[in-house]
Structures are given as structure tokens and as C-alpha cells.
Amino acid sequence: MEICMDGHHLTIDQVKQVARDRARVVLSMEARQRILEAEKMVQRYVEEERVSYGITTGFGKFADTYISKEDTGMLQRNLIMSHACGVGDILEEEVVRAIMLLRLNSLAQGYSGIRLSTFETLLEMLNKDVYPLVYEKGSLGASGDLCPLAHLALVLIGEGEAFVDGKRVSGKEAMEHAGITPVSLIAKEGLALINGTQAMCAVGVLTLYDALQLSKCADMAVAMSMEALHGIIDAFDLRVHRVRPHQGQIHTAENVLHLLENSENITRQGEARVQDAYSLRCTPQVHGACKDAIAHVKDKLEIEINSVTDNPILFVEDGDAISGGNFHGESVALAFDYLGIALSEIANISERRLEKLVNPAISHGLPAFLTNHGGLHSGFMIVQYSAAALVSENKVLAHPSSVDSIPSSANQEDHVSMGTIGAMKARKILRNAQNVIAMELLAACQGVDILEHDTLGKGTQCVYDCVRRVVDYIDEDVVMYPNIHKVADLIINETLVNCVSEYVNLQEV
């Protein structure tokens, strides 16, 4: 698998292919030429001793300090070393790969002034599986992700630490192992490597990709709960949703109808009862709103990952280097908060359906906690308890990061986005939501078995079979957590989506 990068056409799926599937990346000839032209422009600025931010001046509060051409290389190296102040957990390998790809894609547009040789060294690191050690905390989201990107650039210059073949080694050792010569930076290159939104976007893109898959799994979960609870199908009638034509709402109703096609367990209004509780009846409206939110985030990220977020930006044709603020993460910071809220809501309504399945007062004939041996056995009692803990945690995490700001660099950088924090929080909410959906699926399959069900729907039969391949019906109490983890893995690894997609064409967003 090989992806040709030109700076303009990178997709969410391609980021996933590079980050997780280790697709090889090559640079287009057009992008190569643009990089060379911008490289010449920087050299000209230095030779002419023109005053330009980050090329012949210091950074941040030191923007008014002129740097001689003899010291420009040291300036760039010092920038990388001094800005590597990360703390906290180490970012996962897939996130680091995504950061590297996104930074390269931005640089490929030819507005940053990095040398082609430096660009190719970073690309070689990606293709030869040299992963810089990057800490998750330390970015304010403006001027972009300075701190995490500095950790990335450290290894490029033979400093810092990296992972090679799963081993943590020095940056110098990692480059030697891969047969790559570290770079000696020249004017503008250090700034070009760390000024941008690529860390927040790497976390955000992978979270978005997983959110797109989870939205399908959430529809599968409600369909399985409909089977176990003899849900009323009329609420999913497309006529209802076409008169309130939000796209996500219509797509959710279509998905559930397709999944339940040919089911003999669902009912019509008035047969068993007139109406279902909102957690079933309003699923198209709730899941649909979440899908629309996810679609908005997708639109924003598709723009951002193909944008120039450097400073200054070099316009080669005009010979101008303009200092602006494209590194500011506000555009995606708001989107990441929105994504976290949407994922939190997907989990919220799922936990309510789980409660319906285990609570005999509202489960329409299912035994308490989905066990036929209540008292001696607790069944799914604490499954719901754990789900409740996760959704409550999500409510705290869903508080938006982007409403906060704090000044830095002696008040030169006096408003920041907190976009990286927002992306990290959205990722945590996603993980919780994946587990909650797994718990609902596990419980719904248990409910279906207890009822000795009739024929399942075309899609729900596939969901049921997929779950039952990894977890058996639970007649007596067992250690429960391995079962939850196994079903969660079906979601995380896309096994469930891939299995069901062979039989039912599910709408994404």
C-alpha cells in the first residue's frame, strides 16, 4: 500500500492507513518542486539579511531580536531543544505516525521554506518506522502544537528519544539503526517543523475515524435492544423522519430498519404497547444529531489536514513572507469539543437502553439483571453499574476546552485554543463510549437468548453471530470483564462493522 502525498488531497482514511496499517508514503513531483522553490526563497532572505520573523529574528517575545546569518542554524536548533517540554503519558505509536504524516503533508505545499533534504529525512523516518517519543501534554494549541512537535523534531536532529522495533532508545541510536543521517537545521526549518496543529489533528483524526465506526455500532446496539425488548418499529418509519429531514436522523432510521429487516421479534404500535421509552423511540433523533455533529467535525478536519498552519507563510511567487496566525487551533478546537459532546451522548442513550434491559420494571418481561437465577446470581447488575460510571465520567470530560485560554510568551501569545486538550478529551470519551456500546450489545444478546427468540433481522442476526463467536450465553455468574473487553475489541478493531457490512449497507454520517 502506497500513498502519494501532494499537500492538498490527504483523506481521513489515508491518515488511518498510514497510522495503523503502515502504508508507505511518497512525495509527488509537483510538491517536490514547490518545496525547492520555497527553500531558495529562504536562502535569499538570509543572504540579503532581510528582517523576517523566524528566519532572521527570534521567536515569540523575541520577535524583535535580529539574528545574524551565521547564527540562524543555532537559532533553529535551540528552538527545537528549548521547546521540547512535554510531560504526561507517551503518545501511542499510531498517533505519532499520524503527526509525522500530517506535518509532512503541510510542508509539502511549499509555503514553509524547509529544505527538500530535511523533508525527505522526516519522510524516511516515517517509512522506516522510527517513531519519536512524544508526550501528550504541553501544548496550548497556539502557536500550534509547539511542544509535541518539538519532541518529534528532536529525533530528526539526532536528539531526544524514539522507539525502534518496540524498544525505547536515544534519538541518535534510532537514526543510526535505521541508517538515517540526522539533520543540521538552517534558517526557518526549526520553526517550519513545530509551528502547526498536527498533534491535535492527529489525535482528532484517529478519534474521528473511530467515531464514524462507532456510530454504526451504536445503531447495531439499538437494533439488538429492539430485538430483546420487542421494540416498536413504527418510530423508525422513514415518513416520520423525512418531515424533519436532518440527514443523520434519516440515516439512523434507515440503518435500524435495514438491520431489523425480516425480524419476527419487533412489534407494531398498539400490539404490545402504544409507545416505547425515548431511549428506543428517539434513537434516530439522538443518534442522528450525533452523526450530524461527527459530519461537521469531518468537514473541518478534511480542511485542516490539507492546510498550511505555519508562520510566517512564504508566498514564493510574490517574494513575501507574511506573519499571520494560521497555527491557531480554534477551528478544530471547537470541533473537538463538539465531537466529545456527540460521543458522550451516544454513550448516554446507550446506557439508558442497557438499564431497560436489566431493570425488570421496564424490560417488558425480561428477568431482573438478565439472569434466570436472581439472588444467587447477579447477572448483568454491575455491567450497568460500570456503564453508568463511564457515562458520568464522560459528562465531566465533555466540558469544552475551547472556552478556556491563558496567555503565554510574555503576553505575546495572549489567546490560545486548547485544541490539543480538546482532542485528547474526545479520545477518552470515545474509549468510554466504545465500552458502553459493547456492554449494551452484550446485554441485548443475553436478552435475545433468554427470550428464546424468533427469527432475527437480516443485520441483527449477523451482529448476534459476531458477538457469540467471542462470548457465550451467560447462564451462571462468571468473571465478567473479559466478556466486555472481547465485545469492545469487536468494535475497536472494526470486526463488527466489517462483518455486518457484508449483509447490510449502513450509512455512516
Protein backbone atom coordinates (compact mmCIF):
# COMPACT_ATOMS: atom_id res chain seq x y z
CA MET A 1 0.00 0.00 0.00
CA GLU A 2 1.43 3.38 -1.04
CA ILE A 3 0.06 6.90 -0.70
CA CYS A 4 1.28 9.76 -2.90
CA MET A 5 1.24 12.97 -0.88
CA ASP A 6 0.86 16.38 -2.51
CA GLY A 7 -0.26 18.55 0.43
CA HIS A 8 -3.80 19.04 -0.86
CA HIS A 9 -5.69 15.76 -1.10
CA LEU A 10 -5.00 13.74 2.03
CA THR A 11 -8.09 11.94 3.35
CA ILE A 12 -9.20 10.70 6.75
CA ASP A 13 -8.97 7.11 5.51
CA GLN A 14 -5.42 7.66 4.25
CA VAL A 15 -4.33 9.01 7.63
CA LYS A 16 -5.70 5.83 9.19
CA GLN A 17 -3.89 3.69 6.59
CA VAL A 18 -0.55 5.32 7.38
CA ALA A 19 -1.06 5.49 11.14
CA ARG A 20 -2.42 1.99 11.71
CA ASP A 21 -1.74 -0.05 8.58
CA ARG A 22 1.77 1.37 7.95
CA ALA A 23 1.09 2.44 4.39
CA ARG A 24 4.21 3.79 2.70
CA VAL A 25 4.22 7.48 1.75
CA VAL A 26 5.85 9.11 -1.29
CA LEU A 27 6.01 12.78 -2.33
CA SER A 28 4.51 13.98 -5.61
CA MET A 29 6.79 15.64 -8.15
CA GLU A 30 4.74 18.85 -8.05
CA ALA A 31 5.16 19.12 -4.27
CA ARG A 32 8.88 18.41 -4.59
CA GLN A 33 9.26 21.39 -6.91
CA ARG A 34 7.28 23.70 -4.63
CA ILE A 35 9.48 22.78 -1.65
CA LEU A 36 12.64 23.54 -3.66
CA GLU A 37 11.35 26.97 -4.71
CA ALA A 38 10.48 27.94 -1.12
CA GLU A 39 13.90 26.70 0.01
CA LYS A 40 15.56 29.13 -2.41
CA MET A 41 13.43 31.98 -1.09
CA VAL A 42 14.63 31.42 2.48
CA GLN A 43 18.25 31.31 1.33
CA ARG A 44 17.72 34.62 -0.45
CA TYR A 45 16.25 36.24 2.67
CA VAL A 46 19.24 35.14 4.74
CA GLU A 47 21.80 36.30 2.20
CA GLU A 48 20.11 39.68 1.87
CA GLU A 49 19.84 39.91 5.68
CA ARG A 50 16.18 40.82 5.39
CA VAL A 51 14.32 41.03 8.69
CA SER A 52 11.62 38.36 8.72
CA TYR A 53 10.07 36.63 11.72
CA GLY A 54 11.53 33.22 12.46
CA ILE A 55 14.01 33.45 9.59
CA THR A 56 16.27 36.23 10.81
CA THR A 57 14.61 37.01 14.16
CA GLY A 58 13.93 35.26 17.44
CA PHE A 59 10.56 33.81 18.38
CA GLY A 60 7.54 34.87 20.40
CA LYS A 61 8.50 37.82 22.62
CA PHE A 62 11.92 37.80 20.91
CA ALA A 63 10.39 38.56 17.51
CA ASP A 64 12.14 41.95 17.50
CA THR A 65 15.59 40.45 18.12
CA TYR A 66 17.61 40.23 14.89
CA ILE A 67 19.72 37.09 14.34
CA SER A 68 22.76 37.18 12.07
CA LYS A 69 23.01 34.73 9.20
CA GLU A 70 25.92 32.99 10.95
CA ASP A 71 23.64 32.15 13.89
CA THR A 72 20.46 31.12 12.04
CA GLY A 73 21.28 27.41 12.27
CA MET A 74 21.94 27.59 16.00
CA LEU A 75 18.71 29.56 16.42
CA GLN A 76 16.69 26.75 14.82
CA ARG A 77 18.40 24.00 16.82
CA ASN A 78 17.93 25.92 20.06
CA LEU A 79 14.26 26.36 19.20
CA ILE A 80 13.72 22.62 18.97
CA MET A 81 15.60 21.79 22.15
CA SER A 82 14.08 24.53 24.30
CA HIS A 83 10.50 23.83 23.18
CA ALA A 84 10.60 20.09 23.99
CA CYS A 85 8.92 20.39 27.41
CA GLY A 86 6.38 17.58 27.22
CA VAL A 87 5.09 15.65 30.22
CA GLY A 88 2.47 13.03 31.00
CA ASP A 89 1.85 9.81 29.11
CA ILE A 90 3.66 8.94 25.89
CA LEU A 91 1.54 9.16 22.76
CA GLU A 92 0.69 5.88 21.06
CA GLU A 93 2.67 4.83 18.01
CA GLU A 94 -0.30 5.33 15.69
CA VAL A 95 -0.73 8.92 16.88
CA VAL A 96 2.96 9.71 16.33
CA ARG A 97 2.80 8.24 12.83
CA ALA A 98 -0.24 10.41 12.13
CA ILE A 99 1.55 13.52 13.44
CA MET A 100 4.52 12.85 11.17
CA LEU A 101 2.26 12.36 8.15
CA LEU A 102 0.22 15.49 8.80
CA ARG A 103 3.30 17.66 9.34
CA LEU A 104 4.80 16.34 6.10
CA ASN A 105 1.56 16.98 4.22
CA SER A 106 1.50 20.60 5.36
CA LEU A 107 5.16 21.11 4.48
CA ALA A 108 4.53 19.55 1.05
CA GLN A 109 2.53 22.58 -0.01
CA GLY A 110 5.75 24.59 -0.26
CA TYR A 111 4.84 27.54 1.93
CA SER A 112 7.17 26.76 4.84
CA GLY A 113 10.70 27.07 3.47
CA ILE A 114 12.05 23.75 4.69
CA ARG A 115 14.79 22.16 2.59
CA LEU A 116 13.81 19.20 0.46
CA SER A 117 16.60 17.16 2.10
CA THR A 118 15.18 17.85 5.57
CA PHE A 119 11.69 16.98 4.39
CA GLU A 120 12.93 13.72 2.90
CA THR A 121 14.70 12.80 6.15
CA LEU A 122 11.46 13.14 8.12
CA LEU A 123 9.66 11.14 5.43
CA GLU A 124 12.33 8.44 5.63
CA MET A 125 11.83 8.24 9.40
CA LEU A 126 8.13 7.60 8.85
CA ASN A 127 8.68 4.95 6.20
CA LYS A 128 11.44 3.20 8.18
CA ASP A 129 9.38 3.05 11.40
CA VAL A 130 11.38 5.47 13.54
CA TYR A 131 8.86 6.92 15.99
CA PRO A 132 9.93 9.89 18.13
CA LEU A 133 8.90 9.76 21.75
CA VAL A 134 6.20 12.43 22.11
CA TYR A 135 4.46 13.31 25.35
CA GLU A 136 0.76 14.02 25.31
CA LYS A 137 0.81 17.16 27.47
CA GLY A 138 2.38 20.55 26.98
CA SER A 139 0.51 22.14 24.08
CA LEU A 140 -1.79 25.16 24.33
CA GLY A 141 -2.97 24.77 20.75
CA ALA A 142 -1.29 28.05 19.67
CA SER A 143 1.25 28.71 18.31
CA GLY A 144 0.06 25.36 17.18
CA ASP A 145 1.46 22.28 18.89
CA LEU A 146 4.92 23.66 19.64
CA CYS A 147 5.79 21.27 22.45
CA PRO A 148 4.81 17.87 20.99
CA LEU A 149 6.13 18.81 17.55
CA ALA A 150 9.44 19.80 19.13
CA HIS A 151 9.75 16.28 20.55
CA LEU A 152 9.11 14.99 17.03
CA ALA A 153 11.82 17.24 15.59
CA LEU A 154 14.35 16.33 18.30
CA VAL A 155 14.94 12.91 16.78
CA LEU A 156 15.32 14.46 13.33
CA ILE A 157 18.38 16.33 14.64
CA GLY A 158 19.72 13.29 16.50
CA GLU A 159 18.45 14.28 19.94
CA GLY A 160 15.60 13.16 22.16
CA GLU A 161 14.27 9.61 22.27
CA ALA A 162 12.49 7.28 19.89
CA PHE A 163 11.02 3.82 19.53
CA VAL A 164 12.56 1.35 17.10
CA ASP A 165 11.26 -2.23 16.92
CA GLY A 166 9.32 -1.55 20.11
CA LYS A 167 12.42 -0.50 22.06
CA ARG A 168 12.90 2.93 23.59
CA VAL A 169 16.30 4.29 22.57
CA SER A 170 18.02 7.64 22.14
CA GLY A 171 17.22 9.63 19.04
CA LYS A 172 20.79 9.19 17.85
CA GLU A 173 20.61 5.39 18.24
CA ALA A 174 17.26 5.27 16.46
CA MET A 175 18.60 7.15 13.45
CA GLU A 176 21.75 5.01 13.32
CA HIS A 177 19.67 1.82 13.48
CA ALA A 178 17.56 2.98 10.54
CA GLY A 179 20.59 4.19 8.58
CA ILE A 180 19.35 7.78 8.53
CA THR A 181 21.66 10.78 8.92
CA PRO A 182 20.35 13.40 11.36
CA VAL A 183 19.77 16.90 10.03
CA SER A 184 21.66 20.09 10.82
CA LEU A 185 18.93 22.70 10.62
CA ILE A 186 19.28 26.00 8.81
CA ALA A 187 17.13 29.15 8.69
CA LYS A 188 13.38 28.73 9.17
CA GLU A 189 13.50 24.93 9.38
CA GLY A 190 13.02 24.54 13.12
CA LEU A 191 10.02 26.83 13.04
CA ALA A 192 8.64 25.04 9.98
CA LEU A 193 8.78 21.74 11.87
CA ILE A 194 6.93 22.82 15.02
CA ASN A 195 4.51 25.59 14.01
CA GLY A 196 1.19 23.89 13.30
CA THR A 197 -1.83 21.96 14.51
CA GLN A 198 -0.64 18.48 13.61
CA ALA A 199 -0.57 16.93 17.10
CA MET A 200 -4.14 17.90 17.90
CA CYS A 201 -5.24 16.90 14.40
CA ALA A 202 -3.51 13.52 14.58
CA VAL A 203 -5.38 12.65 17.78
CA GLY A 204 -8.55 14.20 16.37
CA VAL A 205 -8.46 12.39 13.02
CA LEU A 206 -7.99 8.97 14.60
CA THR A 207 -10.76 9.73 17.10
CA LEU A 208 -13.00 10.87 14.27
CA TYR A 209 -12.29 7.72 12.25
CA ASP A 210 -13.25 5.58 15.24
CA ALA A 211 -16.31 7.75 15.90
CA LEU A 212 -17.54 7.07 12.37
CA GLN A 213 -17.31 3.33 13.04
CA LEU A 214 -18.87 3.67 16.49
CA SER A 215 -21.90 5.49 15.09
CA LYS A 216 -22.66 2.36 13.05
CA CYS A 217 -22.11 0.09 16.05
CA ALA A 218 -24.46 2.25 18.11
CA ASP A 219 -27.18 1.66 15.52
CA MET A 220 -26.45 -2.06 15.73
CA ALA A 221 -26.79 -1.89 19.50
CA VAL A 222 -30.22 -0.24 19.43
CA ALA A 223 -31.37 -2.75 16.83
CA MET A 224 -30.29 -5.63 19.09
CA SER A 225 -32.05 -4.00 22.04
CA MET A 226 -35.17 -3.69 19.89
CA GLU A 227 -34.98 -7.45 19.31
CA ALA A 228 -34.65 -8.21 23.02
CA LEU A 229 -37.33 -5.72 24.12
CA HIS A 230 -39.83 -6.34 21.29
CA GLY A 231 -39.40 -2.71 20.29
CA ILE A 232 -41.99 -0.81 18.28
CA ILE A 233 -40.71 -0.38 14.74
CA ASP A 234 -43.18 2.38 13.74
CA ALA A 235 -40.96 5.05 15.33
CA PHE A 236 -38.37 4.31 12.62
CA ASP A 237 -40.81 4.75 9.73
CA LEU A 238 -39.00 6.94 7.21
CA ARG A 239 -42.10 9.08 6.69
CA VAL A 240 -41.63 10.35 10.23
CA HIS A 241 -38.05 11.38 9.59
CA ARG A 242 -38.49 12.87 6.14
CA VAL A 243 -40.76 15.55 7.58
CA ARG A 244 -37.88 16.58 9.87
CA PRO A 245 -35.13 15.96 7.32
CA HIS A 246 -31.92 16.07 9.30
CA GLN A 247 -29.56 13.80 7.39
CA GLY A 248 -28.21 11.94 10.43
CA GLN A 249 -31.73 11.27 11.71
CA ILE A 250 -32.80 9.78 8.38
CA HIS A 251 -29.62 7.71 8.13
CA THR A 252 -30.11 6.29 11.61
CA ALA A 253 -33.70 5.27 10.88
CA GLU A 254 -32.59 3.66 7.62
CA ASN A 255 -29.79 1.77 9.37
CA VAL A 256 -32.07 0.35 12.06
CA LEU A 257 -34.72 -0.62 9.52
CA HIS A 258 -32.15 -2.43 7.39
CA LEU A 259 -30.69 -4.21 10.42
CA LEU A 260 -34.14 -5.36 11.57
CA GLU A 261 -35.40 -6.41 8.14
CA ASN A 262 -37.25 -9.78 8.43
CA SER A 263 -37.16 -9.73 12.25
CA GLU A 264 -40.06 -11.54 13.95
CA ASN A 265 -39.33 -10.01 17.36
CA ILE A 266 -40.22 -6.40 16.73
CA THR A 267 -43.77 -5.15 17.23
CA ARG A 268 -46.11 -2.51 15.82
CA GLN A 269 -47.62 0.28 17.85
CA GLY A 270 -50.61 -0.96 19.83
CA GLU A 271 -49.69 -4.64 19.69
CA ALA A 272 -47.70 -4.95 22.94
CA ARG A 273 -47.85 -1.27 23.94
CA VAL A 274 -48.54 2.07 22.30
CA GLN A 275 -45.13 3.74 22.68
CA ASP A 276 -41.58 2.87 23.65
CA ALA A 277 -39.43 4.90 26.01
CA TYR A 278 -37.34 7.64 24.46
CA SER A 279 -34.13 5.59 24.59
CA LEU A 280 -35.66 3.38 21.87
CA ARG A 281 -38.20 5.65 20.20
CA CYS A 282 -35.95 8.72 19.91
CA THR A 283 -32.82 6.91 18.79
CA PRO A 284 -32.99 8.36 15.25
CA GLN A 285 -33.21 11.85 16.68
CA VAL A 286 -30.36 11.37 19.18
CA HIS A 287 -28.02 9.18 17.12
CA GLY A 288 -28.85 11.37 14.14
CA ALA A 289 -27.85 14.59 15.87
CA CYS A 290 -24.61 12.93 16.92
CA LYS A 291 -23.97 11.79 13.34
CA ASP A 292 -24.50 15.36 12.11
CA ALA A 293 -22.02 16.62 14.71
CA ILE A 294 -19.48 14.00 13.61
CA ALA A 295 -20.04 15.01 9.97
CA HIS A 296 -19.27 18.62 10.88
CA VAL A 297 -16.03 17.57 12.56
CA LYS A 298 -15.12 15.53 9.49
CA ASP A 299 -15.61 18.57 7.26
CA LYS A 300 -13.40 20.75 9.47
CA LEU A 301 -10.63 18.14 9.73
CA GLU A 302 -10.57 17.45 5.99
CA ILE A 303 -9.83 21.15 5.53
CA GLU A 304 -7.31 21.38 8.37
CA ILE A 305 -5.17 18.37 7.44
CA ASN A 306 -4.69 19.86 3.97
CA SER A 307 -3.91 23.37 5.20
CA VAL A 308 -0.79 25.44 5.81
CA THR A 309 -0.53 26.15 9.52
CA ASP A 310 2.99 27.57 9.61
CA ASN A 311 4.24 31.07 10.40
CA PRO A 312 5.49 33.00 8.58
CA ILE A 313 3.96 31.74 5.35
CA LEU A 314 6.17 32.11 2.28
CA PHE A 315 4.47 33.22 -0.92
CA VAL A 316 7.21 32.40 -3.40
CA GLU A 317 5.60 33.96 -6.45
CA ASP A 318 5.33 37.33 -4.73
CA GLY A 319 8.51 37.01 -2.70
CA ASP A 320 6.60 37.79 0.51
CA ALA A 321 6.90 36.15 3.93
CA ILE A 322 3.76 37.07 5.86
CA SER A 323 3.49 36.55 9.60
CA GLY A 324 -0.06 35.55 10.48
CA GLY A 325 -1.90 33.18 12.76
CA ASN A 326 -2.75 30.00 10.83
CA PHE A 327 -1.16 27.98 13.62
CA HIS A 328 -4.04 28.89 15.95
CA GLY A 329 -6.14 25.80 16.56
CA GLU A 330 -9.53 27.41 17.18
CA SER A 331 -11.14 25.99 14.02
CA VAL A 332 -10.59 22.43 15.13
CA ALA A 333 -10.62 23.09 18.90
CA LEU A 334 -14.33 23.89 18.74
CA ALA A 335 -14.87 20.84 16.54
CA PHE A 336 -13.10 18.53 19.00
CA ASP A 337 -15.30 19.77 21.84
CA TYR A 338 -18.35 19.14 19.66
CA LEU A 339 -17.07 15.65 18.87
CA GLY A 340 -16.65 14.88 22.56
CA ILE A 341 -20.18 16.04 23.32
CA ALA A 342 -21.62 13.93 20.49
CA LEU A 343 -19.76 10.81 21.60
CA SER A 344 -20.87 11.39 25.17
CA GLU A 345 -24.49 11.48 24.02
CA ILE A 346 -24.13 8.24 22.06
CA ALA A 347 -22.97 6.60 25.30
CA ASN A 348 -25.65 8.33 27.40
CA ILE A 349 -28.59 6.93 25.46
CA SER A 350 -26.93 3.52 25.18
CA GLU A 351 -26.65 3.29 28.98
CA ARG A 352 -30.37 4.08 29.23
CA ARG A 353 -31.18 1.21 26.87
CA LEU A 354 -28.92 -1.02 28.95
CA GLU A 355 -30.90 -0.01 32.03
CA LYS A 356 -34.11 -1.01 30.25
CA LEU A 357 -32.65 -4.43 29.51
CA VAL A 358 -31.64 -5.18 33.12
CA ASN A 359 -34.45 -3.50 35.07
CA PRO A 360 -37.48 -5.83 35.42
CA ALA A 361 -39.79 -2.87 35.99
CA ILE A 362 -39.22 -1.61 32.44
CA SER A 363 -37.78 -4.56 30.48
CA HIS A 364 -41.11 -5.93 29.21
CA GLY A 365 -40.76 -9.43 30.65
CA LEU A 366 -37.02 -9.97 30.86
CA PRO A 367 -35.78 -11.25 34.24
CA ALA A 368 -34.00 -8.92 36.64
CA PHE A 369 -30.42 -8.27 35.53
CA LEU A 370 -30.81 -10.78 32.70
CA THR A 371 -30.33 -13.86 34.85
CA ASN A 372 -32.77 -16.72 35.44
CA HIS A 373 -31.17 -17.34 38.83
CA GLY A 374 -31.62 -13.98 40.53
CA GLY A 375 -30.41 -13.71 44.12
CA LEU A 376 -27.79 -16.41 43.95
CA HIS A 377 -26.51 -14.83 40.74
CA SER A 378 -26.19 -11.10 39.98
CA GLY A 379 -26.17 -11.40 36.21
CA PHE A 380 -25.69 -8.06 34.43
CA MET A 381 -26.27 -5.92 37.52
CA ILE A 382 -22.76 -4.43 37.61
CA VAL A 383 -22.44 -4.22 33.84
CA GLN A 384 -24.98 -1.39 34.00
CA TYR A 385 -23.19 -0.02 37.07
CA SER A 386 -19.93 0.22 35.14
CA ALA A 387 -21.67 1.79 32.15
CA ALA A 388 -23.16 4.39 34.48
CA ALA A 389 -19.66 5.20 35.76
CA LEU A 390 -18.38 5.68 32.23
CA VAL A 391 -21.16 7.99 31.09
CA SER A 392 -20.81 10.04 34.26
CA GLU A 393 -17.09 10.42 33.60
CA ASN A 394 -17.92 11.48 30.05
CA LYS A 395 -20.14 14.27 31.33
CA VAL A 396 -17.14 15.76 33.11
CA LEU A 397 -14.83 15.25 30.12
CA ALA A 398 -17.38 16.80 27.74
CA HIS A 399 -16.93 20.25 29.28
CA PRO A 400 -15.41 22.24 26.40
CA SER A 401 -11.71 23.03 26.46
CA SER A 402 -12.02 25.76 23.87
CA VAL A 403 -13.80 28.15 26.25
CA ASP A 404 -10.54 28.48 28.18
CA SER A 405 -7.43 30.45 27.33
CA ILE A 406 -4.28 31.53 29.15
CA PRO A 407 -1.59 33.98 27.96
CA SER A 408 1.95 32.82 27.25
CA SER A 409 5.26 34.15 25.90
CA ALA A 410 5.08 37.34 27.98
CA ASN A 411 1.56 38.04 26.67
CA GLN A 412 2.65 37.98 23.02
CA GLU A 413 0.61 34.80 22.64
CA ASP A 414 -2.32 36.09 24.64
CA HIS A 415 -5.13 33.86 23.34
CA VAL A 416 -4.80 30.12 22.78
CA SER A 417 -7.19 27.40 21.61
CA MET A 418 -6.59 24.46 23.98
CA GLY A 419 -7.38 22.33 20.92
CA THR A 420 -4.93 19.58 21.83
CA ILE A 421 -6.57 19.14 25.22
CA GLY A 422 -9.95 19.00 23.48
CA ALA A 423 -8.73 16.30 21.10
CA MET A 424 -7.31 14.24 23.98
CA LYS A 425 -10.58 14.51 25.90
CA ALA A 426 -12.61 13.47 22.88
CA ARG A 427 -10.40 10.39 22.55
CA LYS A 428 -11.02 9.45 26.20
CA ILE A 429 -14.77 9.93 25.73
CA LEU A 430 -14.59 7.72 22.63
CA ARG A 431 -12.94 4.90 24.58
CA ASN A 432 -15.64 5.09 27.24
CA ALA A 433 -18.38 5.16 24.62
CA GLN A 434 -16.95 2.10 22.86
CA ASN A 435 -17.14 0.18 26.13
CA VAL A 436 -20.70 1.32 26.86
CA ILE A 437 -21.88 0.22 23.40
CA ALA A 438 -20.09 -3.11 23.97
CA MET A 439 -21.99 -3.54 27.24
CA GLU A 440 -25.32 -2.86 25.56
CA LEU A 441 -24.55 -5.34 22.77
CA LEU A 442 -23.56 -7.98 25.31
CA ALA A 443 -26.73 -7.43 27.33
CA ALA A 444 -29.01 -7.33 24.28
CA CYS A 445 -27.64 -10.66 23.02
CA GLN A 446 -28.25 -12.09 26.51
CA GLY A 447 -31.82 -10.81 26.42
CA VAL A 448 -32.43 -12.31 23.00
CA ASP A 449 -31.23 -15.72 24.24
CA ILE A 450 -33.34 -15.60 27.40
CA LEU A 451 -36.46 -15.00 25.34
CA GLU A 452 -35.61 -17.94 23.07
CA HIS A 453 -36.08 -15.51 20.25
CA ASP A 454 -37.84 -15.86 16.94
CA THR A 455 -36.09 -15.08 13.66
CA LEU A 456 -33.73 -12.12 13.98
CA GLY A 457 -33.35 -9.40 11.39
CA LYS A 458 -31.01 -9.68 8.44
CA GLY A 459 -28.44 -7.44 10.13
CA THR A 460 -29.10 -8.25 13.77
CA GLN A 461 -28.54 -11.94 13.11
CA CYS A 462 -25.05 -11.04 11.88
CA VAL A 463 -24.45 -8.85 14.95
CA TYR A 464 -25.62 -11.65 17.23
CA ASP A 465 -23.40 -14.24 15.48
CA CYS A 466 -20.37 -11.95 15.66
CA VAL A 467 -20.82 -11.40 19.41
CA ARG A 468 -21.50 -15.06 20.10
CA ARG A 469 -18.30 -16.08 18.35
CA VAL A 470 -16.36 -14.45 21.18
CA VAL A 471 -18.77 -14.60 24.14
CA ASP A 472 -21.21 -17.40 25.08
CA TYR A 473 -24.59 -17.03 26.70
CA ILE A 474 -24.08 -16.46 30.46
CA ASP A 475 -26.30 -18.80 32.48
CA GLU A 476 -24.44 -18.51 35.79
CA ASP A 477 -22.20 -15.73 37.07
CA VAL A 478 -18.75 -15.55 35.53
CA VAL A 479 -15.84 -13.14 35.70
CA MET A 480 -17.49 -10.54 33.50
CA TYR A 481 -14.76 -8.13 32.41
CA PRO A 482 -13.14 -10.42 29.76
CA ASN A 483 -16.50 -10.64 28.00
CA ILE A 484 -16.90 -6.86 27.94
CA HIS A 485 -13.38 -6.46 26.61
CA LYS A 486 -13.92 -9.05 23.87
CA VAL A 487 -17.02 -7.29 22.57
CA ALA A 488 -15.30 -3.90 22.84
CA ASP A 489 -12.48 -5.31 20.71
CA LEU A 490 -15.02 -6.22 18.02
CA ILE A 491 -15.88 -2.51 17.88
CA ILE A 492 -12.35 -1.12 18.17
CA ASN A 493 -10.86 -3.48 15.56
CA GLU A 494 -13.76 -2.87 13.11
CA THR A 495 -14.60 -6.59 13.14
CA LEU A 496 -18.27 -5.92 13.86
CA VAL A 497 -18.63 -3.22 11.21
CA ASN A 498 -16.85 -5.32 8.59
CA CYS A 499 -18.95 -8.39 9.38
CA VAL A 500 -22.30 -6.60 9.22
CA SER A 501 -21.31 -4.59 6.13
CA GLU A 502 -21.26 -7.84 4.13
CA TYR A 503 -25.02 -8.12 4.64
CA VAL A 504 -26.29 -4.59 5.31
CA ASN A 505 -25.18 -1.30 3.76
CA LEU A 506 -25.03 1.01 6.76
CA GLN A 507 -24.98 4.77 6.32
CA GLU A 508 -22.03 6.43 8.07
CA VAL A 509 -22.88 10.13 8.58
